[in-house]
Amino acid sequence: MQRLIGFGAACMKRKIAAIFAADIAGYSRLVAEDEEETLRRLASYRQVTDDFIAKYGGRIFNTAGDAVLAEFPSAVEAVRCAIDIQESLRTRNLAYPPSRQMAFRIGITIGDVVERDGDLLGDGVNSAARLEGLAEVGGICVSRAVHEQVVNKLSVQFAEIGAQEVKNIPTPVHAFMVTMRREDGTYATPRVKKPLKPAAGGSSRWMWPITASLLLLALIGVGGYLYYGRLETPAVKPVAVESHAADSATPSTMSQPASEPTAAATALPSPPPPGPPSISPGEKFAAGSVPFVSDRSRAILANEYAGASDSKAVAININGFVGWIAGQSSEDAAKTTALEQCQKRADSSSTPRKCELYAVGNTIVYAHGNPPLPPLPWIRYDSLIEKPFAAKDVPLVRDQSRTRLESQFTAARKTKSIALGPGGQLFFNSGIGTLEESARRNLQSCGAVAGVPCMIVAVDDVFVVPIPATLRATGFFRASDSSVITPGERSHVAQKLADAEMGWNAVAVGTRGRPGLGLRAANEETAVNAALTDCVMHDSDCRVIAIGPFTVGPN
């Protein structure tokens, strides 16, 4: 319901709306550390939020810096939009170390607002902003009114945090946290904020001066601790985006560490810590397990390094450079020389990365373990989904990366492949001896940066996975982890997709999270239509959430 109210010469509309408020946690710190990179990423992340808001029928009515205010005609759509935004940005953040991740807090309420010249004012807007302040980093906080509207309509779990006193709102706000998905697919219970206690009456009023004094002393102490702690903690600087280099190989001798083919690579800055290692410090050196490097270098290490006398060491880096030395005067001299040889080769390329010791003597000292890899087979050929490679069609990556692919990969000699990560991480090489080696090295480098398994999306001159055209790819799809599919259906969908190895597959869901599947279709449109048709038989308001291996959103 809307009604008009006069205010001087202006005319304003009063109405009830679902109000969505979001801003970035720690935005000022991110800007202070690297303003240009932060602003660039903010624009990219804002594109994601804007697309989802439009998709769910919302309207952005105000922005300021990193903050976004939007209205929705439905609380259900506002919460669904917030969940999709957080899921999409969580995936993108995998490409960055924790100190450089850019995460939103989101607050949603239903309230009475006044519309004037397209802007919204009133208690509803203020309450949404305060709920956003209560939300966890990467989380969503909603009012009781929103909870009542969506609790039986969405497959979402909530944690009640009770009545919360917030700034400039005269009465406490009763709030709920939306449970968000962890990296392992499980759901974390939000840290429940302590609710307000009932008023104790006039007998406790004499305590306020003492309480205020104690709080002031505590704040002074905490402020001092944070101030001196900040002085002792250096700011984290991001690593520059890598460029590409051609692949080549040079023979070597024991006294001359092996020169390594340079994997042509581009990636987002600073990898997060890799997953559980499959090799550990202290294990015996095996040349066939050394990650990133070429098969030829593995053979040289097996034939010349493994049986060489001490003191000896091997150093590697993610781009596939290697340095090794044996027969030195001491272990320290071997470590220093191996690192210097490796770093010298890395620095001569256009994509330098820091070299690290992999082995000293015949003992592995590399702390990161092997990077995560997808299950075999890494490549499946299917004429139904293959199409000629075009750099403009590579999903998830930035325009800068597409330009590099166009100039360096398209005309490069075979054998070549491209590995893609869920956050837009991208590694490619060319002129490799075998497809297996090309794929292994790209997947290892990409996995080390992404912290999760990547996928081979192109081989030589064709795409080997379905590339969505009707909708825009936003990440990797795993049915077992999908927060929008009702929990009881996830394993069933995952198994159906695993069994449908050939052709185009699509997944749709409705308001209640009931899935619809289009499997083994001859083309993308047929798969999408089949998924939507299947979904409307079980649910309502169906939408496509996945095409092939990708989650999708509006173009």
Protein backbone atom coordinates (compact mmCIF):
# COMPACT_ATOMS: atom_id res chain seq x y z
CA MET A 1 0.00 0.00 0.00
CA GLN A 2 1.21 3.49 -0.85
CA ARG A 3 -0.11 6.89 0.11
CA LEU A 4 0.95 10.40 -0.83
CA ILE A 5 1.97 13.04 1.68
CA GLY A 6 2.62 16.70 1.04
CA PHE A 7 5.80 18.36 2.22
CA GLY A 8 6.09 21.97 1.12
CA ALA A 9 6.29 21.98 -2.65
CA ALA A 10 7.41 18.34 -2.80
CA CYS A 11 5.21 15.25 -2.96
CA MET A 12 6.37 12.10 -1.25
CA LYS A 13 5.09 8.51 -1.23
CA ARG A 14 4.97 6.45 1.92
CA LYS A 15 5.09 2.68 1.52
CA ILE A 16 6.16 -0.62 3.07
CA ALA A 17 9.24 -2.22 1.44
CA ALA A 18 11.96 -4.76 2.07
CA ILE A 19 15.15 -2.73 2.50
CA PHE A 20 18.57 -4.21 1.74
CA ALA A 21 21.76 -2.53 3.06
CA ALA A 22 25.31 -3.70 2.34
CA ASP A 23 28.83 -2.43 2.74
CA ILE A 24 32.36 -3.83 2.75
CA ALA A 25 33.98 -4.86 6.02
CA GLY A 26 37.32 -3.11 6.59
CA TYR A 27 37.00 -1.03 3.42
CA SER A 28 39.07 1.89 4.76
CA ARG A 29 41.96 -0.44 5.59
CA LEU A 30 41.84 -2.03 2.13
CA VAL A 31 41.95 1.41 0.48
CA ALA A 32 44.81 2.55 2.69
CA GLU A 33 46.89 -0.51 1.77
CA ASP A 34 46.30 -0.37 -2.00
CA GLU A 35 43.83 2.22 -3.24
CA GLU A 36 44.00 1.45 -6.98
CA GLU A 37 43.59 -2.32 -6.62
CA THR A 38 40.80 -1.92 -4.05
CA LEU A 39 38.81 0.47 -6.25
CA ARG A 40 39.22 -1.83 -9.24
CA ARG A 41 37.94 -4.81 -7.29
CA LEU A 42 35.13 -2.76 -5.77
CA ALA A 43 33.88 -1.97 -9.28
CA SER A 44 34.01 -5.67 -10.18
CA TYR A 45 32.22 -6.77 -7.00
CA ARG A 46 29.63 -4.01 -7.37
CA GLN A 47 28.83 -5.37 -10.82
CA VAL A 48 28.04 -8.71 -9.16
CA THR A 49 25.80 -7.14 -6.51
CA ASP A 50 24.04 -4.90 -9.03
CA ASP A 51 23.33 -7.84 -11.34
CA PHE A 52 21.84 -9.94 -8.55
CA ILE A 53 19.74 -7.05 -7.23
CA ALA A 54 18.27 -6.50 -10.69
CA LYS A 55 17.76 -10.23 -11.18
CA TYR A 56 15.58 -10.47 -8.07
CA GLY A 57 13.50 -7.41 -8.86
CA GLY A 58 15.29 -4.97 -6.58
CA ARG A 59 16.08 -1.32 -7.15
CA ILE A 60 19.21 0.44 -5.94
CA PHE A 61 18.13 3.79 -4.52
CA ASN A 62 21.34 5.02 -2.93
CA THR A 63 25.09 4.34 -2.98
CA ALA A 64 27.96 5.93 -1.14
CA GLY A 65 31.50 4.62 -1.54
CA ASP A 66 31.32 0.92 -0.69
CA ALA A 67 27.71 1.06 0.61
CA VAL A 68 24.63 -0.06 -1.33
CA LEU A 69 20.97 0.51 -0.41
CA ALA A 70 18.23 -1.26 -2.37
CA GLU A 71 14.52 -1.93 -2.07
CA PHE A 72 12.67 -5.14 -2.93
CA PRO A 73 8.95 -5.76 -3.25
CA SER A 74 9.44 -9.09 -1.46
CA ALA A 75 11.48 -10.08 1.60
CA VAL A 76 11.92 -13.54 0.05
CA GLU A 77 13.61 -12.08 -3.03
CA ALA A 78 15.76 -9.77 -0.90
CA VAL A 79 17.11 -12.68 1.18
CA ARG A 80 17.58 -14.89 -1.87
CA CYS A 81 19.51 -12.06 -3.53
CA ALA A 82 21.71 -11.55 -0.44
CA ILE A 83 22.57 -15.27 -0.26
CA ASP A 84 23.53 -15.40 -3.94
CA ILE A 85 25.67 -12.29 -3.58
CA GLN A 86 27.55 -13.71 -0.58
CA GLU A 87 28.04 -17.09 -2.26
CA SER A 88 29.35 -15.50 -5.45
CA LEU A 89 31.72 -13.13 -3.65
CA ARG A 90 32.94 -15.89 -1.33
CA THR A 91 34.10 -17.82 -4.40
CA ARG A 92 35.80 -14.76 -5.87
CA ASN A 93 37.59 -14.13 -2.56
CA LEU A 94 39.25 -17.56 -2.74
CA ALA A 95 41.80 -16.00 -5.08
CA TYR A 96 43.05 -13.57 -2.41
CA PRO A 97 44.83 -13.96 0.91
CA PRO A 98 42.66 -13.29 3.99
CA SER A 99 44.13 -9.82 4.49
CA ARG A 100 43.04 -8.72 0.99
CA GLN A 101 39.62 -10.36 0.80
CA MET A 102 36.72 -8.00 0.18
CA ALA A 103 33.60 -9.21 1.99
CA PHE A 104 30.20 -7.55 2.39
CA ARG A 105 27.99 -7.39 5.46
CA ILE A 106 24.30 -7.33 4.56
CA GLY A 107 21.25 -6.27 6.61
CA ILE A 108 17.61 -6.67 5.55
CA THR A 109 14.38 -5.46 7.15
CA ILE A 110 10.77 -4.71 6.23
CA GLY A 111 9.82 -1.19 7.15
CA ASP A 112 7.85 1.96 6.54
CA VAL A 113 9.74 4.29 4.20
CA VAL A 114 9.14 7.56 2.41
CA GLU A 115 10.11 7.90 -1.26
CA ARG A 116 11.24 11.33 -2.43
CA ASP A 117 12.81 11.91 -5.85
CA GLY A 118 13.68 8.22 -6.12
CA ASP A 119 15.47 8.09 -2.76
CA LEU A 120 14.03 6.29 0.28
CA LEU A 121 14.07 7.71 3.80
CA GLY A 122 12.74 6.65 7.17
CA ASP A 123 13.02 4.06 9.93
CA GLY A 124 13.09 1.14 7.48
CA VAL A 125 16.28 2.43 5.87
CA ASN A 126 17.91 3.20 9.21
CA SER A 127 17.03 -0.23 10.61
CA ALA A 128 18.49 -2.05 7.58
CA ALA A 129 21.75 -0.12 7.98
CA ARG A 130 21.93 -1.04 11.68
CA LEU A 131 21.24 -4.72 10.92
CA GLU A 132 24.05 -4.64 8.40
CA GLY A 133 26.34 -3.48 11.20
CA LEU A 134 25.30 -6.50 13.30
CA ALA A 135 26.05 -8.98 10.49
CA GLU A 136 29.23 -11.02 10.44
CA VAL A 137 31.84 -10.45 7.73
CA GLY A 138 30.44 -12.22 4.69
CA GLY A 139 27.14 -12.73 6.53
CA ILE A 140 23.51 -11.62 6.51
CA CYS A 141 21.44 -10.26 9.39
CA VAL A 142 17.64 -9.86 9.11
CA SER A 143 14.89 -8.44 11.28
CA ARG A 144 12.17 -10.55 12.89
CA ALA A 145 9.67 -9.32 10.29
CA VAL A 146 11.88 -10.63 7.47
CA HIS A 147 12.45 -13.90 9.31
CA GLU A 148 8.71 -14.44 9.62
CA GLN A 149 8.25 -13.81 5.90
CA VAL A 150 10.93 -16.20 4.62
CA VAL A 151 11.36 -18.94 7.25
CA ASN A 152 8.86 -21.28 5.57
CA LYS A 153 9.54 -20.21 1.99
CA LEU A 154 13.31 -20.68 1.60
CA SER A 155 15.60 -23.57 2.52
CA VAL A 156 17.61 -21.31 4.81
CA GLN A 157 18.63 -21.78 8.43
CA PHE A 158 18.69 -18.92 10.94
CA ALA A 159 20.29 -18.25 14.30
CA GLU A 160 18.27 -15.97 16.56
CA ILE A 161 20.34 -13.29 18.28
CA GLY A 162 17.46 -11.66 20.15
CA ALA A 163 16.79 -7.97 20.80
CA GLN A 164 19.74 -5.75 19.92
CA GLU A 165 20.11 -2.11 20.85
CA VAL A 166 21.45 -0.14 17.87
CA LYS A 167 22.42 3.46 17.30
CA ASN A 168 19.68 6.01 16.54
CA ILE A 169 16.86 3.43 16.74
CA PRO A 170 14.68 4.13 19.82
CA THR A 171 13.51 0.53 20.36
CA PRO A 172 15.66 -2.64 20.28
CA VAL A 173 15.76 -4.60 17.01
CA HIS A 174 14.99 -8.32 17.24
CA ALA A 175 17.40 -9.93 14.76
CA PHE A 176 18.36 -13.23 13.15
CA MET A 177 21.56 -14.31 11.40
CA VAL A 178 21.43 -16.36 8.20
CA THR A 179 23.73 -19.38 8.43
CA MET A 180 26.37 -19.25 5.69
CA ARG A 181 28.28 -22.03 3.98
CA ARG A 182 31.86 -22.86 4.96
CA GLU A 183 34.59 -23.72 2.43
CA ASP A 184 34.08 -27.47 3.09
CA GLY A 185 30.37 -27.27 2.25
CA THR A 186 29.10 -27.42 5.83
CA TYR A 187 27.15 -24.60 7.45
CA ALA A 188 28.55 -22.45 10.21
CA THR A 189 26.40 -21.32 13.10
CA PRO A 190 26.87 -17.54 13.42
CA ARG A 191 28.38 -16.18 16.59
CA VAL A 192 25.26 -15.23 18.51
CA LYS A 193 25.48 -11.71 19.85
CA LYS A 194 24.37 -11.29 23.44
CA PRO A 195 20.73 -10.09 23.57
CA LEU A 196 19.62 -7.21 25.74
CA LYS A 197 18.63 -8.03 29.31
CA PRO A 198 15.30 -6.75 30.65
CA ALA A 199 15.49 -3.42 32.48
CA ALA A 200 16.25 -3.89 36.16
CA GLY A 201 14.30 -0.85 37.40
CA GLY A 202 15.29 2.35 39.18
CA SER A 203 17.36 0.61 41.88
CA SER A 204 20.21 0.08 39.40
CA ARG A 205 20.48 3.67 38.19
CA TRP A 206 23.16 4.52 40.70
CA MET A 207 25.46 2.04 38.95
CA TRP A 208 25.63 4.05 35.69
CA PRO A 209 28.45 6.45 36.71
CA ILE A 210 30.62 3.51 37.83
CA THR A 211 29.81 1.51 34.72
CA ALA A 212 30.60 4.43 32.46
CA SER A 213 33.94 4.97 34.20
CA LEU A 214 34.87 1.31 33.88
CA LEU A 215 33.93 1.29 30.19
CA LEU A 216 36.01 4.41 29.58
CA LEU A 217 39.06 2.82 31.22
CA ALA A 218 38.55 -0.36 29.22
CA LEU A 219 38.30 1.56 25.96
CA ILE A 220 41.47 3.48 26.73
CA GLY A 221 43.26 0.20 27.40
CA VAL A 222 41.97 -1.47 24.26
CA GLY A 223 42.74 1.60 22.18
CA GLY A 224 46.31 1.65 23.44
CA TYR A 225 46.71 -2.06 22.71
CA LEU A 226 45.38 -1.69 19.16
CA TYR A 227 47.50 1.40 18.53
CA TYR A 228 50.78 -0.22 19.58
CA GLY A 229 49.76 -3.49 17.96
CA ARG A 230 49.27 -1.66 14.67
CA LEU A 231 52.71 -0.08 14.97
CA GLU A 232 54.23 -3.55 15.27
CA THR A 233 52.26 -5.15 12.39
CA PRO A 234 53.34 -4.25 8.85
CA ALA A 235 50.67 -3.80 6.19
CA VAL A 236 50.29 -6.63 3.68
CA LYS A 237 51.06 -5.60 0.11
CA PRO A 238 49.38 -7.44 -2.78
CA VAL A 239 51.42 -9.20 -5.43
CA ALA A 240 51.18 -7.80 -8.94
CA VAL A 241 49.21 -9.69 -11.59
CA GLU A 242 51.44 -12.01 -13.60
CA SER A 243 52.02 -11.77 -17.32
CA HIS A 244 52.86 -14.53 -19.80
CA ALA A 245 56.02 -16.04 -21.23
CA ALA A 246 56.75 -18.57 -23.95
CA ASP A 247 57.53 -22.20 -23.12
CA SER A 248 61.07 -23.39 -23.83
CA ALA A 249 63.59 -25.85 -22.47
CA THR A 250 67.39 -25.87 -22.13
CA PRO A 251 69.56 -28.91 -21.28
CA SER A 252 71.57 -28.75 -18.08
CA THR A 253 74.31 -30.50 -16.20
CA MET A 254 74.72 -31.30 -12.50
CA SER A 255 76.67 -28.14 -11.87
CA GLN A 256 74.23 -26.10 -13.97
CA PRO A 257 70.69 -26.40 -12.51
CA ALA A 258 67.99 -27.39 -14.97
CA SER A 259 66.44 -24.54 -16.91
CA GLU A 260 62.68 -24.97 -16.80
CA PRO A 261 59.96 -24.27 -19.37
CA THR A 262 58.08 -21.20 -18.25
CA ALA A 263 54.36 -21.84 -17.88
CA ALA A 264 52.54 -19.01 -19.60
CA ALA A 265 50.31 -17.86 -16.79
CA THR A 266 48.10 -15.14 -15.50
CA ALA A 267 46.60 -15.22 -12.03
CA LEU A 268 45.02 -13.11 -9.37
CA PRO A 269 47.35 -11.91 -6.59
CA SER A 270 48.76 -13.95 -3.71
CA PRO A 271 47.39 -17.49 -3.35
CA PRO A 272 45.54 -18.50 -0.21
CA PRO A 273 47.04 -21.43 1.70
CA PRO A 274 46.62 -24.65 -0.32
CA GLY A 275 44.41 -27.46 0.96
CA PRO A 276 45.65 -30.49 2.91
CA PRO A 277 49.03 -31.46 1.43
CA SER A 278 49.56 -34.82 -0.25
CA ILE A 279 53.29 -34.49 0.44
CA SER A 280 54.73 -33.34 3.73
CA PRO A 281 58.04 -31.97 4.96
CA GLY A 282 60.23 -34.85 6.04
CA GLU A 283 59.13 -37.28 3.33
CA LYS A 284 61.70 -38.83 1.00
CA PHE A 285 62.37 -36.96 -2.24
CA ALA A 286 60.79 -38.48 -5.35
CA ALA A 287 61.38 -36.69 -8.65
CA GLY A 288 58.07 -37.88 -10.09
CA SER A 289 56.13 -35.97 -7.41
CA VAL A 290 57.75 -32.54 -7.84
CA PRO A 291 54.87 -30.17 -8.76
CA PHE A 292 54.77 -27.50 -11.50
CA VAL A 293 57.92 -28.62 -13.36
CA SER A 294 58.12 -30.33 -16.76
CA ASP A 295 58.42 -34.06 -17.33
CA ARG A 296 61.88 -33.44 -18.71
CA SER A 297 63.01 -31.70 -15.54
CA ARG A 298 61.54 -34.52 -13.46
CA ALA A 299 63.63 -36.97 -15.49
CA ILE A 300 66.80 -34.92 -14.97
CA LEU A 301 66.14 -34.73 -11.24
CA ALA A 302 65.58 -38.49 -11.12
CA ASN A 303 68.72 -39.33 -13.13
CA GLU A 304 71.16 -36.71 -11.86
CA TYR A 305 69.96 -35.24 -8.56
CA ALA A 306 68.45 -38.20 -6.71
CA GLY A 307 71.67 -40.23 -6.72
CA ALA A 308 74.07 -37.31 -6.35
CA SER A 309 76.18 -36.85 -3.28
CA ASP A 310 75.39 -34.33 -0.56
CA SER A 311 75.31 -31.42 0.04
CA LYS A 312 72.48 -30.73 -2.42
CA ALA A 313 69.15 -28.89 -2.73
CA VAL A 314 66.22 -28.25 -5.11
CA ALA A 315 64.18 -25.02 -5.40
CA ILE A 316 60.95 -24.51 -7.39
CA ASN A 317 58.24 -21.93 -8.00
CA ILE A 318 54.61 -22.03 -9.13
CA ASN A 319 55.46 -21.00 -12.70
CA GLY A 320 57.55 -24.15 -13.17
CA PHE A 321 61.08 -22.83 -12.76
CA VAL A 322 63.53 -25.09 -10.98
CA GLY A 323 67.07 -24.80 -9.68
CA TRP A 324 69.19 -27.59 -8.21
CA ILE A 325 72.74 -28.16 -7.18
CA ALA A 326 74.78 -30.97 -5.64
CA GLY A 327 78.27 -31.55 -4.26
CA GLN A 328 78.48 -28.26 -2.37
CA SER A 329 80.68 -27.50 0.60
CA SER A 330 77.73 -27.37 3.01
CA GLU A 331 73.97 -27.75 3.17
CA ASP A 332 73.53 -23.99 3.58
CA ALA A 333 75.62 -23.35 0.45
CA ALA A 334 73.46 -25.82 -1.50
CA LYS A 335 70.22 -24.16 -0.37
CA THR A 336 71.50 -20.69 -1.25
CA THR A 337 72.72 -21.71 -4.70
CA ALA A 338 69.54 -23.63 -5.60
CA LEU A 339 67.36 -20.66 -4.64
CA GLU A 340 69.56 -18.22 -6.54
CA GLN A 341 69.52 -20.35 -9.70
CA CYS A 342 65.75 -20.77 -9.59
CA GLN A 343 65.06 -17.11 -8.83
CA LYS A 344 67.43 -15.92 -11.57
CA ARG A 345 65.40 -17.83 -14.14
CA ALA A 346 62.10 -16.66 -12.67
CA ASP A 347 63.20 -13.02 -12.67
CA SER A 348 64.19 -13.24 -16.34
CA SER A 349 60.58 -14.01 -17.30
CA SER A 350 57.68 -11.58 -17.43
CA THR A 351 55.88 -13.56 -14.70
CA PRO A 352 58.31 -13.77 -11.79
CA ARG A 353 57.30 -15.49 -8.57
CA LYS A 354 59.28 -16.26 -5.46
CA CYS A 355 61.19 -19.55 -5.52
CA GLU A 356 61.07 -21.82 -2.49
CA LEU A 357 63.15 -24.76 -1.35
CA TYR A 358 61.55 -28.07 -2.26
CA ALA A 359 64.15 -30.54 -1.02
CA VAL A 360 67.41 -30.49 0.90
CA GLY A 361 69.41 -33.64 0.35
CA ASN A 362 66.86 -36.37 -0.26
CA THR A 363 64.32 -34.91 2.19
CA ILE A 364 61.34 -32.77 1.17
CA VAL A 365 61.15 -29.41 3.00
CA TYR A 366 58.42 -27.76 0.90
CA ALA A 367 55.74 -26.57 3.34
CA HIS A 368 52.74 -26.31 1.00
CA GLY A 369 52.33 -29.89 -0.16
CA ASN A 370 51.05 -30.79 -3.61
CA PRO A 371 48.38 -28.41 -4.95
CA PRO A 372 44.77 -29.62 -5.10
CA LEU A 373 43.83 -31.38 -8.34
CA PRO A 374 40.47 -32.46 -9.76
CA PRO A 375 39.76 -36.18 -10.14
CA LEU A 376 40.79 -37.95 -13.34
CA PRO A 377 40.09 -37.78 -16.20
CA TRP A 378 41.07 -34.14 -16.45
CA ILE A 379 39.80 -33.86 -20.03
CA ARG A 380 36.73 -35.40 -21.68
CA TYR A 381 36.17 -35.02 -25.41
CA ASP A 382 32.51 -34.58 -26.39
CA SER A 383 31.51 -33.34 -29.84
CA LEU A 384 28.15 -32.10 -28.48
CA ILE A 385 29.72 -29.44 -26.30
CA GLU A 386 32.98 -28.64 -28.09
CA LYS A 387 33.23 -25.36 -29.97
CA PRO A 388 36.13 -23.38 -31.48
CA PHE A 389 38.21 -21.51 -28.93
CA ALA A 390 37.71 -17.74 -28.75
CA ALA A 391 39.36 -15.65 -26.02
CA LYS A 392 36.24 -13.49 -25.66
CA ASP A 393 34.22 -16.53 -24.59
CA VAL A 394 36.48 -17.62 -21.69
CA PRO A 395 34.26 -17.30 -18.58
CA LEU A 396 35.03 -15.69 -15.20
CA VAL A 397 38.25 -13.90 -16.24
CA ARG A 398 38.96 -10.18 -16.60
CA ASP A 399 39.24 -8.38 -19.94
CA GLN A 400 42.99 -8.04 -19.41
CA SER A 401 43.35 -11.82 -19.26
CA ARG A 402 41.22 -12.27 -22.40
CA THR A 403 43.49 -9.85 -24.23
CA ARG A 404 46.53 -11.90 -23.25
CA LEU A 405 44.86 -15.11 -24.33
CA GLU A 406 44.02 -13.55 -27.69
CA SER A 407 47.57 -12.38 -28.29
CA GLN A 408 49.55 -15.26 -26.76
CA PHE A 409 47.44 -18.43 -26.68
CA THR A 410 45.35 -18.30 -29.86
CA ALA A 411 48.29 -18.44 -32.29
CA ALA A 412 50.64 -20.43 -30.02
CA ARG A 413 51.92 -23.82 -31.14
CA LYS A 414 50.40 -27.06 -29.91
CA THR A 415 50.21 -28.85 -27.51
CA LYS A 416 48.54 -26.23 -25.33
CA SER A 417 45.79 -26.00 -22.70
CA ILE A 418 44.09 -23.58 -20.32
CA ALA A 419 43.29 -24.23 -16.64
CA LEU A 420 40.61 -22.06 -15.01
CA GLY A 421 39.82 -21.54 -11.31
CA PRO A 422 36.48 -20.62 -9.71
CA GLY A 423 37.63 -17.08 -8.94
CA GLY A 424 38.97 -16.35 -12.44
CA GLN A 425 42.46 -17.79 -11.85
CA LEU A 426 43.98 -18.63 -15.23
CA PHE A 427 47.09 -20.57 -16.29
CA PHE A 428 48.01 -21.67 -19.79
CA ASN A 429 51.03 -23.03 -21.64
CA SER A 430 51.97 -24.02 -25.18
CA GLY A 431 54.45 -26.15 -27.08
CA ILE A 432 54.36 -28.88 -24.43
CA GLY A 433 55.38 -32.44 -25.30
CA THR A 434 52.16 -34.16 -24.26
CA LEU A 435 48.64 -33.10 -23.40
CA GLU A 436 48.91 -34.89 -20.05
CA GLU A 437 51.94 -32.79 -19.09
CA SER A 438 50.34 -29.57 -20.31
CA ALA A 439 47.18 -30.22 -18.28
CA ARG A 440 49.05 -31.36 -15.15
CA ARG A 441 51.28 -28.32 -14.97
CA ASN A 442 48.45 -25.85 -15.56
CA LEU A 443 46.17 -27.56 -13.04
CA GLN A 444 48.94 -27.65 -10.41
CA SER A 445 49.82 -23.97 -10.86
CA CYS A 446 46.17 -22.91 -10.92
CA GLY A 447 45.30 -25.08 -7.91
CA ALA A 448 48.18 -23.63 -5.89
CA VAL A 449 46.85 -20.11 -6.49
CA ALA A 450 43.14 -20.88 -6.12
CA GLY A 451 43.52 -23.21 -3.12
CA VAL A 452 40.86 -25.48 -4.71
CA PRO A 453 40.88 -27.72 -7.80
CA CYS A 454 40.73 -25.95 -11.16
CA MET A 455 39.50 -27.36 -14.49
CA ILE A 456 40.87 -27.62 -18.02
CA VAL A 457 38.53 -25.57 -20.20
CA ALA A 458 40.37 -25.49 -23.52
CA VAL A 459 42.80 -27.74 -25.39
CA ASP A 460 44.60 -26.54 -28.52
CA ASP A 461 41.88 -24.78 -30.55
CA VAL A 462 38.63 -25.95 -28.88
CA PHE A 463 36.73 -25.58 -25.63
CA VAL A 464 36.33 -28.98 -23.96
CA VAL A 465 33.71 -27.97 -21.36
CA PRO A 466 30.28 -26.41 -21.97
CA ILE A 467 30.64 -22.62 -22.11
CA PRO A 468 27.30 -20.92 -21.26
CA ALA A 469 26.02 -18.33 -23.72
CA THR A 470 22.40 -17.81 -22.62
CA LEU A 471 23.49 -16.83 -19.08
CA ARG A 472 26.75 -15.57 -17.58
CA ALA A 473 29.04 -17.96 -15.71
CA THR A 474 29.65 -16.75 -12.13
CA GLY A 475 31.65 -19.63 -10.61
CA PHE A 476 31.98 -23.41 -10.39
CA PHE A 477 28.86 -25.44 -9.62
CA ARG A 478 28.82 -28.29 -7.09
CA ALA A 479 25.35 -29.61 -6.36
CA SER A 480 26.45 -31.06 -3.01
CA ASP A 481 27.39 -27.56 -1.82
CA SER A 482 24.53 -25.56 -3.35
CA SER A 483 22.74 -23.46 -0.74
CA VAL A 484 19.74 -22.86 -3.03
CA ILE A 485 18.91 -26.57 -3.50
CA THR A 486 17.00 -28.10 -0.62
CA PRO A 487 19.47 -30.26 1.41
CA GLY A 488 17.62 -33.52 0.84
CA GLU A 489 17.97 -33.18 -2.94
CA ARG A 490 21.64 -32.20 -3.24
CA SER A 491 23.20 -35.66 -3.29
CA HIS A 492 20.57 -36.85 -5.78
CA VAL A 493 21.34 -33.95 -8.15
CA ALA A 494 25.09 -34.51 -7.78
CA GLN A 495 24.74 -38.19 -8.69
CA LYS A 496 22.51 -37.46 -11.69
CA LEU A 497 25.01 -34.93 -13.02
CA ALA A 498 27.90 -37.33 -12.46
CA ASP A 499 26.10 -40.02 -14.44
CA ALA A 500 25.35 -37.61 -17.31
CA GLU A 501 28.89 -37.40 -18.68
CA MET A 502 28.04 -36.37 -22.25
CA GLY A 503 26.07 -33.47 -23.71
CA TRP A 504 24.71 -30.34 -22.09
CA ASN A 505 23.36 -30.35 -18.51
CA ALA A 506 21.41 -27.62 -16.70
CA VAL A 507 19.92 -27.23 -13.21
CA ALA A 508 16.99 -25.03 -12.18
CA VAL A 509 15.43 -24.42 -8.75
CA GLY A 510 12.21 -22.85 -7.51
CA THR A 511 11.10 -20.94 -4.45
CA ARG A 512 11.22 -24.03 -2.21
CA GLY A 513 14.61 -25.14 -3.51
CA ARG A 514 13.23 -28.12 -5.46
CA PRO A 515 15.53 -28.85 -8.41
CA GLY A 516 14.76 -29.47 -12.06
CA LEU A 517 17.29 -31.16 -14.36
CA GLY A 518 17.98 -31.06 -18.08
CA LEU A 519 20.51 -33.81 -18.86
CA ARG A 520 22.47 -35.08 -21.88
CA ALA A 521 20.95 -32.46 -24.16
CA ALA A 522 22.25 -31.81 -27.66
CA ASN A 523 22.57 -28.07 -27.04
CA GLU A 524 22.43 -25.44 -24.31
CA GLU A 525 18.91 -24.18 -25.05
CA THR A 526 17.44 -27.68 -24.90
CA ALA A 527 19.12 -28.37 -21.55
CA VAL A 528 17.88 -25.08 -20.07
CA ASN A 529 14.29 -25.61 -21.25
CA ALA A 530 14.28 -29.18 -19.95
CA ALA A 531 15.56 -28.05 -16.52
CA LEU A 532 12.90 -25.36 -16.22
CA THR A 533 10.15 -27.74 -17.37
CA ASP A 534 11.24 -30.33 -14.81
CA CYS A 535 11.42 -27.69 -12.07
CA VAL A 536 7.89 -26.29 -12.56
CA MET A 537 6.49 -29.80 -12.04
CA HIS A 538 7.75 -29.67 -8.42
CA ASP A 539 8.14 -25.98 -7.54
CA SER A 540 7.26 -22.44 -8.57
CA ASP A 541 9.16 -19.35 -9.74
CA CYS A 542 11.89 -21.53 -11.25
CA ARG A 543 15.23 -20.14 -12.44
CA VAL A 544 18.37 -21.70 -13.92
CA ILE A 545 21.30 -21.84 -11.50
CA ALA A 546 23.82 -24.01 -13.39
CA ILE A 547 24.80 -24.82 -16.96
CA GLY A 548 27.47 -27.48 -17.42
CA PRO A 549 30.14 -27.07 -14.71
CA PHE A 550 29.31 -23.41 -14.01
CA THR A 551 26.93 -21.51 -11.76
CA VAL A 552 25.17 -18.87 -13.83
CA GLY A 553 23.47 -15.50 -13.44
CA PRO A 554 22.09 -12.76 -15.69
CA ASN A 555 24.20 -11.62 -18.64
